[in-house]
Protein backbone atom coordinates (compact mmCIF):
# COMPACT_ATOMS: atom_id res chain seq x y z
CA MET A 1 -6.09 -4.40 40.68
CA SER A 2 -8.91 -4.37 38.12
CA THR A 3 -9.81 -8.03 36.89
CA GLU A 4 -12.18 -6.98 34.10
CA PRO A 5 -11.13 -8.56 30.89
CA THR A 6 -9.49 -6.40 28.29
CA ALA A 7 -11.76 -5.74 25.48
CA PRO A 8 -10.90 -7.40 22.17
CA VAL A 9 -9.13 -5.36 19.48
CA ARG A 10 -11.41 -4.98 16.41
CA ARG A 11 -10.24 -4.52 12.92
CA ILE A 12 -10.99 -0.99 11.16
CA THR A 13 -13.39 -1.73 8.78
CA VAL A 14 -13.93 -0.51 4.93
CA PRO A 15 -17.13 1.42 5.95
CA GLN A 16 -15.16 2.91 8.73
CA ILE A 17 -12.62 4.07 6.33
CA ARG A 18 -15.01 5.49 3.83
CA ALA A 19 -16.70 7.42 6.66
CA ARG A 20 -13.57 9.15 7.39
CA LYS A 21 -13.96 11.23 4.25
CA GLY A 22 -13.34 14.94 5.18
CA GLY A 23 -12.50 13.87 8.60
CA ALA A 24 -9.27 12.96 10.57
CA PRO A 25 -6.52 12.21 8.11
CA ILE A 26 -6.09 8.60 7.49
CA VAL A 27 -2.62 6.99 8.07
CA SER A 28 -1.31 4.42 5.67
CA LEU A 29 1.85 2.47 5.11
CA THR A 30 2.94 -0.47 3.32
CA SER A 31 4.20 -3.67 4.81
CA TYR A 32 5.34 -6.79 3.48
CA HIS A 33 5.94 -9.36 6.64
CA ALA A 34 4.60 -10.12 10.00
CA HIS A 35 7.20 -8.13 12.15
CA THR A 36 7.14 -4.87 10.42
CA ALA A 37 3.31 -4.88 10.08
CA ALA A 38 2.97 -5.60 13.91
CA ILE A 39 4.76 -2.21 14.53
CA VAL A 40 2.74 -0.27 11.89
CA ASP A 41 -0.46 -1.87 13.11
CA ARG A 42 -0.22 0.32 16.14
CA HIS A 43 -0.19 3.44 14.22
CA ALA A 44 -1.96 3.23 10.96
CA GLU A 45 -5.34 2.55 9.75
CA ILE A 46 -4.80 0.97 6.56
CA ILE A 47 -1.86 -1.28 5.88
CA LEU A 48 -1.20 -2.02 2.05
CA VAL A 49 0.53 -5.16 0.98
CA GLY A 50 1.55 -3.27 -2.17
CA ASP A 51 3.23 -5.07 -5.20
CA SER A 52 6.07 -2.64 -4.68
CA LEU A 53 7.31 -5.66 -2.77
CA GLY A 54 8.64 -6.85 -6.14
CA MET A 55 11.09 -3.84 -6.35
CA VAL A 56 11.53 -3.62 -2.30
CA MET A 57 11.90 -7.10 -1.32
CA HIS A 58 12.79 -9.17 -4.43
CA GLY A 59 14.99 -6.71 -6.44
CA MET A 60 12.66 -6.32 -9.44
CA GLU A 61 13.03 -3.49 -11.77
CA THR A 62 9.29 -2.80 -11.90
CA THR A 63 6.11 -4.10 -10.23
CA VAL A 64 5.10 -5.87 -13.50
CA GLY A 65 6.64 -9.23 -12.89
CA VAL A 66 5.15 -9.71 -9.45
CA PRO A 67 3.05 -13.00 -9.70
CA LEU A 68 -0.35 -13.54 -7.67
CA ASP A 69 0.91 -16.20 -5.65
CA LEU A 70 3.88 -13.88 -3.96
CA MET A 71 1.18 -11.34 -2.89
CA VAL A 72 -0.76 -14.05 -1.25
CA MET A 73 2.26 -15.11 0.68
CA HIS A 74 3.17 -11.76 1.89
CA GLY A 75 -0.59 -10.58 2.29
CA ARG A 76 -0.74 -13.81 4.82
CA ALA A 77 2.37 -12.78 6.71
CA VAL A 78 0.90 -9.23 7.24
CA VAL A 79 -2.71 -10.30 8.36
CA ARG A 80 -0.92 -12.62 10.88
CA GLY A 81 1.10 -9.79 12.29
CA THR A 82 -1.77 -7.52 12.72
CA LYS A 83 -4.89 -7.03 15.06
CA ARG A 84 -6.20 -3.51 14.06
CA ALA A 85 -5.55 -2.18 10.82
CA LEU A 86 -7.55 -2.58 7.58
CA VAL A 87 -5.11 -5.01 5.25
CA VAL A 88 -5.31 -4.24 1.63
CA VAL A 89 -3.83 -6.30 -0.70
CA ASP A 90 -2.65 -5.11 -4.33
CA MET A 91 -3.84 -7.05 -7.22
CA PRO A 92 -0.70 -7.68 -9.53
CA PHE A 93 -0.29 -6.89 -13.32
CA GLY A 94 -2.18 -9.50 -15.49
CA SER A 95 -4.48 -10.65 -12.69
CA TYR A 96 -7.47 -8.63 -13.20
CA GLU A 97 -7.29 -6.55 -16.29
CA GLU A 98 -8.59 -9.25 -18.77
CA SER A 99 -12.24 -9.28 -17.59
CA PRO A 100 -14.40 -8.75 -14.50
CA ASN A 101 -14.60 -12.44 -14.21
CA MET A 102 -11.21 -13.04 -14.11
CA ALA A 103 -10.53 -10.14 -11.59
CA PHE A 104 -13.19 -11.64 -9.40
CA ARG A 105 -11.77 -15.27 -9.38
CA ASN A 106 -8.15 -13.97 -8.49
CA ALA A 107 -9.51 -11.28 -5.84
CA ALA A 108 -11.70 -13.99 -4.21
CA HIS A 109 -8.67 -16.19 -4.13
CA VAL A 110 -6.63 -13.32 -2.38
CA MET A 111 -9.06 -12.68 0.22
CA LYS A 112 -9.80 -16.30 1.04
CA GLU A 113 -5.97 -17.19 1.31
CA THR A 114 -5.02 -14.06 3.24
CA GLY A 115 -7.79 -12.97 5.19
CA CYS A 116 -7.24 -9.23 4.19
CA GLY A 117 -10.08 -6.96 4.32
CA ALA A 118 -9.90 -5.73 0.63
CA VAL A 119 -7.89 -5.37 -2.39
CA LYS A 120 -6.55 -2.70 -4.57
CA LEU A 121 -6.36 -2.48 -8.21
CA GLU A 122 -4.99 0.25 -10.68
CA GLY A 123 -6.96 2.31 -13.28
CA GLY A 124 -9.54 4.64 -13.58
CA ALA A 125 -12.55 4.95 -15.73
CA ARG A 126 -11.33 1.83 -17.79
CA MET A 127 -11.68 -0.33 -14.59
CA GLY A 128 -15.06 1.23 -13.64
CA GLU A 129 -16.93 -2.19 -14.82
CA THR A 130 -14.52 -4.39 -13.04
CA ILE A 131 -14.56 -2.32 -9.82
CA ARG A 132 -18.69 -2.50 -9.76
CA PHE A 133 -18.51 -6.32 -10.67
CA LEU A 134 -16.31 -7.03 -7.49
CA THR A 135 -18.05 -4.75 -4.92
CA GLU A 136 -21.48 -6.12 -5.93
CA ARG A 137 -20.15 -9.50 -5.09
CA GLY A 138 -18.61 -8.38 -1.77
CA ILE A 139 -14.96 -7.67 -2.60
CA PRO A 140 -14.34 -4.38 -1.21
CA VAL A 141 -11.97 -2.43 -3.74
CA MET A 142 -9.55 0.53 -3.17
CA ALA A 143 -8.86 2.23 -6.46
CA HIS A 144 -5.72 3.71 -7.78
CA ILE A 145 -5.31 6.54 -10.40
CA GLY A 146 -2.77 9.05 -11.37
CA LEU A 147 0.75 7.54 -11.76
CA THR A 148 -0.11 3.82 -12.16
CA PRO A 149 3.11 1.77 -11.85
CA GLN A 150 1.77 -1.25 -13.66
CA SER A 151 1.22 0.70 -16.67
CA SER A 152 4.74 2.40 -16.65
CA HIS A 153 5.82 0.87 -19.95
CA VAL A 154 2.89 2.67 -21.54
CA MET A 155 3.48 5.83 -19.73
CA GLY A 156 7.27 5.73 -20.80
CA GLY A 157 8.20 5.59 -17.11
CA PHE A 158 7.32 6.79 -13.61
CA LYS A 159 5.94 10.30 -14.89
CA THR A 160 4.11 12.93 -12.83
CA GLN A 161 0.66 13.27 -13.88
CA GLY A 162 -1.46 16.67 -14.52
CA ARG A 163 1.38 18.68 -15.51
CA GLN A 164 -0.72 19.83 -18.58
CA GLU A 165 -3.95 21.36 -17.21
CA GLU A 166 -5.72 20.15 -20.30
CA THR A 167 -5.28 16.47 -18.92
CA TRP A 168 -7.23 17.36 -15.62
CA PRO A 169 -10.62 16.37 -16.78
CA THR A 170 -9.48 12.79 -17.73
CA HIS A 171 -7.98 12.27 -14.07
CA GLU A 172 -11.18 13.94 -12.68
CA THR A 173 -13.42 11.62 -14.54
CA ASP A 174 -11.23 8.65 -13.42
CA ALA A 175 -11.97 9.57 -9.80
CA ARG A 176 -15.54 10.03 -10.45
CA VAL A 177 -15.96 6.69 -12.08
CA VAL A 178 -14.32 4.64 -9.58
CA ALA A 179 -16.14 6.41 -6.98
CA GLU A 180 -19.73 5.42 -8.70
CA ALA A 181 -18.51 2.00 -9.29
CA GLY A 182 -18.28 1.45 -5.65
CA ALA A 183 -14.47 1.81 -4.54
CA PHE A 184 -14.29 2.85 -0.94
CA ALA A 185 -11.00 4.96 -1.43
CA VAL A 186 -8.73 5.84 -4.22
CA VAL A 187 -5.21 6.33 -4.26
CA LEU A 188 -3.79 9.45 -6.01
CA GLU A 189 -0.24 8.85 -6.97
CA GLY A 190 2.60 11.16 -8.62
CA MET A 191 -0.08 13.86 -9.31
CA VAL A 192 0.53 17.62 -9.22
CA GLU A 193 -0.89 19.14 -6.07
CA PRO A 194 -3.63 21.58 -7.49
CA LEU A 195 -5.02 18.58 -9.30
CA ALA A 196 -4.97 16.14 -6.35
CA ALA A 197 -6.56 18.95 -3.97
CA ARG A 198 -9.12 19.44 -6.58
CA ILE A 199 -10.21 15.76 -7.07
CA THR A 200 -10.11 15.45 -3.17
CA ALA A 201 -12.69 18.28 -2.85
CA GLN A 202 -14.88 16.71 -5.60
CA CYS A 203 -14.56 12.93 -4.80
CA PRO A 204 -17.19 11.47 -2.39
CA ILE A 205 -14.69 8.92 -1.10
CA PRO A 206 -11.44 9.23 0.73
CA THR A 207 -8.45 10.00 -1.42
CA ILE A 208 -4.98 8.58 -0.38
CA GLY A 209 -2.25 10.73 -1.39
CA ILE A 210 1.41 9.37 -2.29
CA GLY A 211 3.23 12.43 -4.25
CA ALA A 212 0.06 14.29 -4.38
CA SER A 213 -1.52 16.93 -2.00
CA PRO A 214 -1.58 17.56 1.74
CA ALA A 215 -5.23 18.23 1.20
CA CYS A 216 -5.97 14.53 0.52
CA ASP A 217 -7.99 12.49 3.03
CA GLY A 218 -4.94 10.47 3.82
CA GLN A 219 -1.18 9.71 3.17
CA ILE A 220 0.58 6.45 2.19
CA LEU A 221 4.35 5.84 1.64
CA VAL A 222 6.22 2.74 1.07
CA LEU A 223 7.78 1.76 4.63
CA GLU A 224 11.35 1.14 3.37
CA ASP A 225 11.44 4.54 1.66
CA MET A 226 10.37 6.42 4.59
CA LEU A 227 12.90 4.35 6.89
CA GLY A 228 15.93 5.07 4.66
CA LEU A 229 16.20 1.61 3.40
CA SER A 230 15.68 2.42 -0.18
CA PRO A 231 18.82 3.60 -2.16
CA ARG A 232 17.06 6.45 -4.24
CA PRO A 233 13.67 7.23 -2.67
CA PRO A 234 11.37 9.45 -4.74
CA LYS A 235 11.25 13.19 -4.16
CA PHE A 236 7.88 13.02 -2.45
CA VAL A 237 9.21 10.76 0.38
CA LYS A 238 10.05 12.30 3.64
CA VAL A 239 12.64 10.24 5.05
CA TYR A 240 11.56 9.63 8.97
CA GLY A 241 14.74 7.32 9.76
CA GLN A 242 18.03 6.11 8.70
CA LEU A 243 17.98 2.52 8.98
CA GLY A 244 20.24 1.65 6.15
CA GLY A 245 23.15 3.34 7.77
CA MET A 246 22.13 1.70 11.20
CA ILE A 247 22.05 -1.81 9.42
CA GLU A 248 25.49 -1.31 7.64
CA GLU A 249 27.14 -0.43 10.84
CA ALA A 250 25.77 -3.46 12.65
CA VAL A 251 26.74 -5.74 9.95
CA ARG A 252 30.40 -4.33 9.97
CA SER A 253 30.74 -4.44 13.81
CA TYR A 254 29.61 -8.06 13.72
CA ALA A 255 31.99 -9.01 10.74
CA GLU A 256 34.79 -7.27 12.79
CA ASP A 257 34.07 -9.33 15.73
CA VAL A 258 33.97 -12.59 13.96
CA ARG A 259 37.44 -11.96 12.22
CA ALA A 260 38.84 -11.03 15.52
CA ARG A 261 37.18 -13.98 17.37
CA ALA A 262 35.51 -11.51 19.90
CA PHE A 263 32.12 -13.04 19.09
CA PRO A 264 30.70 -15.54 20.52
CA THR A 265 31.84 -14.62 23.89
CA GLU A 266 31.13 -16.53 27.09
CA ASP A 267 27.79 -15.15 27.15
CA GLN A 268 26.77 -16.48 24.01
CA VAL A 269 27.86 -20.10 24.45
CA TYR A 270 26.47 -23.05 26.42
CA ARG A 271 28.42 -24.85 29.18
């Protein structure tokens, strides 16, 4: 039997993700608490503590109402539950748009309080100055363009981007600006496939698709969507499990046992 010590697990770094451009696809998923994060950690390179937690975990209608402290709380849990993946925490609506200085204060707070490896913020060319300000001061940034949920009120809802080809140059400019500003990767969300493939071919940093293109350098989904826990998952989601039905059946069986006094049994009590 070998007595050699096991090498410590090292976290995936931002430079390692950036170097994956054009290479093996990057696996990404969301997670919001330690137990699921520990499972995802064994299989994904990036775990995103997304502001989608407002809708998935807290029953909000949109992500707009998510406060910074909530992101910090869930970010801490995910970091505690993981050893390997790069943990990225979303900057929620209102925490970075006002100015680069405001964005830096809040992003630094998130990184110090959670121990995460990077933050993500929404917006293309309009956020170029802020991304540059953050990255020059040591805060790694993942960008997010296309369908940006925090801007859903301005967009008139969750609408697929790029259906009109004359809008493509705007999205291509967004990708170019965030890359030049120093983002290490960019999420392409809710974007028609030919446009997402085109941006991926042009962009020097990895693209992470969600409702975009198989040509992207990586993919991300909301964990609860792909596990069958969301009541109405978006069209772009492939459901890999049906945990909603399994939980329902388990709760029903428990309720029946309690009412029939079939639980607890001798095996579940102390003598």
